[in-house]
Amino acid sequence: MSDPKKGYSDLLEDMKDFPSSAEADFLEGVTRSSGMTEEVDLAQSVGLRVKTIREMKGLSWSDMAQRTGFSEALVGQIESGEVLPPLGDLVKLARALDMKMGYLLVQGEAKPYDVVRKQDRKAISRYASQKTIRYGYSYESLAPEKRDRNMEPFLVTLEPRTEEESPSTHDGEEFIYVLEGMIEVQMGEKRERLQPEDSIYYDSTLPHLVRCWGDQPARILAVLYTEEKK
């Protein structure tokens, strides 16, 4: 069962399973029926999409709770826009809805290529039901509207944290390039500290944890690849 106040251990685990074009027509129908605009708050937009798709598929909160491991209360908080869940929880929601996770976030139409200007990037921070509670990092997607993509590139800002966190695993591969500050990457029992212009590439099936090192924020380019399940 998920707790909206709980911290999450691995930012990169949170960022897999963005969209392919397989469900594009369905999502466009959801967008039209929901009446969304670019001005809608992200949490409300995500919640509205979850609710709309769930209802179109005839699923109840109880069904969603069973499929995701969340409480029914958390499902309701997400749908109402009270909670902006981390990307890892959006992956679970999307899988429960038989959708790609990126469809819960994308605001524009899918394109054969995607140019993202610096001034157009939007940093997204996770928060719990008390919107003052934020969880350790923010991210900016560098290809939010590219269709059929196999890689997910992000600019990620990691904040210093004192809480103990646990490594996690998932399918795929991850590449990190440090832009500013220092980070520590834990892989099993091995720890590597990276500074600007250092990089690391590893299989995500290794137990791993990425965090800021020191008392200053760090900024990284993170590229994820998750092989599509057959």
Protein backbone atom coordinates (compact mmCIF):
# COMPACT_ATOMS: atom_id res chain seq x y z
CA MET A 1 0.00 0.00 0.00
CA SER A 2 1.41 3.41 -0.95
CA ASP A 3 1.71 6.34 1.41
CA PRO A 4 1.59 9.77 -0.31
CA LYS A 5 3.88 11.18 2.40
CA LYS A 6 6.56 8.57 1.91
CA GLY A 7 9.86 9.42 0.20
CA TYR A 8 10.90 7.38 -2.80
CA SER A 9 14.32 5.85 -3.12
CA ASP A 10 15.33 6.09 -6.75
CA LEU A 11 14.54 8.95 -9.06
CA LEU A 12 15.50 6.96 -12.13
CA GLU A 13 13.17 4.08 -11.26
CA ASP A 14 10.42 6.67 -11.31
CA MET A 15 11.07 7.67 -14.92
CA LYS A 16 10.55 4.61 -17.09
CA ASP A 17 7.74 3.55 -19.44
CA PHE A 18 6.91 6.74 -21.33
CA PRO A 19 4.62 6.55 -24.37
CA SER A 20 4.61 4.85 -27.75
CA SER A 21 1.95 5.72 -30.32
CA ALA A 22 -0.10 2.55 -29.86
CA GLU A 23 -2.73 4.25 -27.70
CA ALA A 24 -2.52 7.68 -29.35
CA ASP A 25 -6.01 7.71 -30.82
CA PHE A 26 -7.51 6.55 -27.53
CA LEU A 27 -5.66 9.26 -25.60
CA GLU A 28 -6.70 11.97 -28.04
CA GLY A 29 -10.29 10.91 -27.35
CA VAL A 30 -9.66 11.16 -23.62
CA THR A 31 -8.14 14.63 -24.05
CA ARG A 32 -11.09 15.87 -26.08
CA SER A 33 -13.68 14.43 -23.70
CA SER A 34 -11.84 15.90 -20.71
CA GLY A 35 -11.71 19.40 -22.18
CA MET A 36 -8.10 19.96 -21.03
CA THR A 37 -6.08 23.09 -21.76
CA GLU A 38 -2.39 23.85 -21.27
CA GLU A 39 -3.30 26.09 -18.35
CA VAL A 40 -4.68 23.22 -16.25
CA ASP A 41 -2.51 22.49 -13.23
CA LEU A 42 -0.39 19.38 -13.80
CA ALA A 43 -1.75 17.51 -10.81
CA GLN A 44 -5.33 18.23 -11.85
CA SER A 45 -4.50 17.27 -15.43
CA VAL A 46 -2.98 13.95 -14.36
CA GLY A 47 -5.86 13.27 -12.00
CA LEU A 48 -8.44 14.05 -14.66
CA ARG A 49 -6.80 11.72 -17.14
CA VAL A 50 -6.59 8.90 -14.62
CA LYS A 51 -10.24 9.33 -13.71
CA THR A 52 -11.41 9.63 -17.32
CA ILE A 53 -9.51 6.55 -18.53
CA ARG A 54 -10.53 4.55 -15.47
CA GLU A 55 -14.20 5.34 -16.02
CA MET A 56 -13.97 4.65 -19.76
CA LYS A 57 -12.54 1.23 -18.94
CA GLY A 58 -15.22 0.55 -16.33
CA LEU A 59 -12.82 0.27 -13.40
CA SER A 60 -13.63 1.20 -9.80
CA TRP A 61 -11.34 2.64 -7.13
CA SER A 62 -11.27 -0.84 -5.63
CA ASP A 63 -10.08 -2.26 -8.97
CA MET A 64 -7.35 0.37 -9.16
CA ALA A 65 -6.28 -0.31 -5.58
CA GLN A 66 -5.95 -4.03 -6.33
CA ARG A 67 -3.99 -3.39 -9.53
CA THR A 68 -1.60 -0.79 -8.08
CA GLY A 69 -1.28 -1.67 -4.41
CA PHE A 70 -2.45 1.85 -3.50
CA SER A 71 -5.20 2.59 -1.04
CA GLU A 72 -8.54 3.68 -2.48
CA ALA A 73 -8.02 6.96 -0.61
CA LEU A 74 -4.78 7.61 -2.49
CA VAL A 75 -6.43 6.86 -5.83
CA GLY A 76 -9.08 9.42 -4.95
CA GLN A 77 -6.48 12.01 -3.92
CA ILE A 78 -4.65 11.55 -7.22
CA GLU A 79 -7.82 11.86 -9.27
CA SER A 80 -8.85 15.04 -7.44
CA GLY A 81 -5.43 16.63 -7.94
CA GLU A 82 -4.62 16.68 -4.22
CA VAL A 83 -1.52 14.53 -4.75
CA LEU A 84 1.02 14.75 -7.56
CA PRO A 85 2.53 11.26 -7.35
CA PRO A 86 6.12 10.41 -8.26
CA LEU A 87 6.69 8.96 -11.68
CA GLY A 88 7.09 5.48 -10.24
CA ASP A 89 3.49 5.61 -9.02
CA LEU A 90 2.37 6.99 -12.38
CA VAL A 91 3.95 3.91 -13.98
CA LYS A 92 1.80 1.72 -11.72
CA LEU A 93 -1.31 3.75 -12.54
CA ALA A 94 -0.62 3.55 -16.27
CA ARG A 95 -0.07 -0.20 -16.13
CA ALA A 96 -3.29 -0.59 -14.19
CA LEU A 97 -5.05 1.33 -16.95
CA ASP A 98 -3.21 -0.53 -19.77
CA MET A 99 -1.71 2.77 -20.92
CA LYS A 100 1.81 4.12 -21.33
CA MET A 101 2.79 6.35 -18.42
CA GLY A 102 3.71 9.28 -20.66
CA TYR A 103 0.10 9.58 -21.73
CA LEU A 104 -0.77 10.71 -18.23
CA LEU A 105 1.69 13.60 -18.51
CA VAL A 106 1.88 14.71 -22.13
CA GLN A 107 -0.04 17.88 -22.94
CA GLY A 108 0.56 18.16 -26.70
CA GLU A 109 0.16 15.77 -29.61
CA ALA A 110 2.73 13.04 -30.34
CA LYS A 111 5.21 14.08 -33.05
CA PRO A 112 7.85 12.36 -35.23
CA TYR A 113 10.41 14.71 -33.62
CA ASP A 114 10.37 17.03 -30.64
CA VAL A 115 12.31 20.27 -30.22
CA VAL A 116 12.26 21.56 -26.65
CA ARG A 117 13.49 25.15 -26.26
CA LYS A 118 15.20 26.12 -23.02
CA GLN A 119 12.50 28.65 -22.18
CA ASP A 120 9.77 26.06 -22.75
CA ARG A 121 11.04 23.42 -20.30
CA LYS A 122 8.98 23.05 -17.14
CA ALA A 123 10.49 21.69 -13.94
CA ILE A 124 8.19 19.24 -12.18
CA SER A 125 8.51 18.58 -8.45
CA ARG A 126 6.68 15.79 -6.66
CA TYR A 127 4.48 16.62 -3.72
CA ALA A 128 2.16 14.92 -1.28
CA SER A 129 -1.32 15.97 -0.25
CA GLN A 130 0.26 18.77 1.79
CA LYS A 131 1.83 20.56 -1.16
CA THR A 132 4.63 21.88 1.06
CA ILE A 133 5.99 18.31 1.35
CA ARG A 134 8.32 17.76 -1.59
CA TYR A 135 10.49 14.79 -2.35
CA GLY A 136 14.14 15.40 -3.11
CA TYR A 137 14.29 16.15 -6.82
CA SER A 138 12.72 17.90 -9.76
CA TYR A 139 12.96 16.93 -13.40
CA GLU A 140 12.46 18.39 -16.87
CA SER A 141 11.55 16.10 -19.76
CA LEU A 142 13.62 16.78 -22.88
CA ALA A 143 11.36 14.89 -25.29
CA PRO A 144 7.81 14.94 -23.91
CA GLU A 145 6.06 14.76 -27.30
CA LYS A 146 8.34 12.48 -29.36
CA ARG A 147 6.29 9.46 -30.37
CA ASP A 148 7.50 5.85 -30.39
CA ARG A 149 10.62 6.75 -28.44
CA ASN A 150 12.84 4.14 -26.84
CA MET A 151 14.81 6.57 -24.67
CA GLU A 152 13.66 9.02 -22.02
CA PRO A 153 16.00 12.01 -21.56
CA PHE A 154 15.64 14.24 -18.49
CA LEU A 155 17.41 17.12 -16.81
CA VAL A 156 17.25 16.30 -13.11
CA THR A 157 18.02 18.50 -10.11
CA LEU A 158 18.87 16.51 -6.98
CA GLU A 159 18.50 18.20 -3.61
CA PRO A 160 20.65 17.34 -0.57
CA ARG A 161 18.83 14.88 1.71
CA THR A 162 19.60 13.37 5.09
CA GLU A 163 17.05 10.54 5.02
CA GLU A 164 18.29 6.99 4.55
CA GLU A 165 17.13 5.51 1.27
CA SER A 166 17.16 2.01 -0.20
CA PRO A 167 18.39 0.84 -3.63
CA SER A 168 15.83 -0.38 -6.15
CA THR A 169 15.76 -2.41 -9.36
CA HIS A 170 13.78 -2.38 -12.59
CA ASP A 171 14.17 -3.43 -16.21
CA GLY A 172 16.25 -1.35 -18.62
CA GLU A 173 19.44 0.67 -18.73
CA GLU A 174 20.41 4.12 -17.43
CA PHE A 175 23.00 6.69 -18.46
CA ILE A 176 23.91 9.67 -16.28
CA TYR A 177 26.12 12.65 -17.10
CA VAL A 178 26.87 15.11 -14.30
CA LEU A 179 26.41 18.77 -15.19
CA GLU A 180 26.74 20.48 -11.80
CA GLY A 181 27.52 19.44 -8.25
CA MET A 182 28.37 15.93 -7.08
CA ILE A 183 26.35 12.73 -6.89
CA GLU A 184 26.78 9.27 -5.46
CA VAL A 185 25.59 6.22 -7.35
CA GLN A 186 25.20 3.01 -5.38
CA MET A 187 25.14 -0.28 -7.31
CA GLY A 188 24.85 -3.25 -5.02
CA GLU A 189 27.68 -2.86 -2.50
CA LYS A 190 29.68 -0.60 -4.82
CA ARG A 191 29.50 3.21 -4.55
CA GLU A 192 30.78 5.70 -7.12
CA ARG A 193 31.02 9.45 -6.55
CA LEU A 194 30.78 11.53 -9.69
CA GLN A 195 31.60 15.18 -10.32
CA PRO A 196 30.91 17.48 -13.32
CA GLU A 197 31.71 15.87 -16.69
CA ASP A 198 31.81 12.36 -15.17
CA SER A 199 29.31 9.81 -16.46
CA ILE A 200 28.04 6.32 -15.67
CA TYR A 201 26.07 3.71 -17.63
CA TYR A 202 24.59 0.63 -15.96
CA ASP A 203 21.91 -2.03 -16.15
CA SER A 204 18.87 -1.03 -14.11
CA THR A 205 18.46 -4.63 -12.96
CA LEU A 206 21.35 -3.97 -10.56
CA PRO A 207 20.15 -2.72 -7.16
CA HIS A 208 20.94 0.97 -7.48
CA LEU A 209 20.42 4.36 -5.89
CA VAL A 210 21.26 7.84 -7.21
CA ARG A 211 21.51 10.75 -4.80
CA CYS A 212 23.07 14.16 -4.29
CA TRP A 213 26.44 14.13 -2.52
CA GLY A 214 27.27 17.05 -0.25
CA ASP A 215 25.25 20.05 0.84
CA GLN A 216 24.71 21.63 -2.58
CA PRO A 217 22.17 20.59 -5.25
CA ALA A 218 23.41 18.57 -8.20
CA ARG A 219 22.19 18.68 -11.79
CA ILE A 220 22.42 15.73 -14.14
CA LEU A 221 21.40 14.59 -17.61
CA ALA A 222 19.68 11.23 -17.17
CA VAL A 223 18.75 9.03 -20.13
CA LEU A 224 16.67 5.91 -19.56
CA TYR A 225 15.98 3.00 -21.83
CA THR A 226 13.35 0.41 -21.01
CA GLU A 227 12.81 -2.36 -23.52
CA GLU A 228 9.19 -2.65 -24.52
CA LYS A 229 7.64 -5.84 -23.23
CA LYS A 230 6.48 -8.22 -25.94
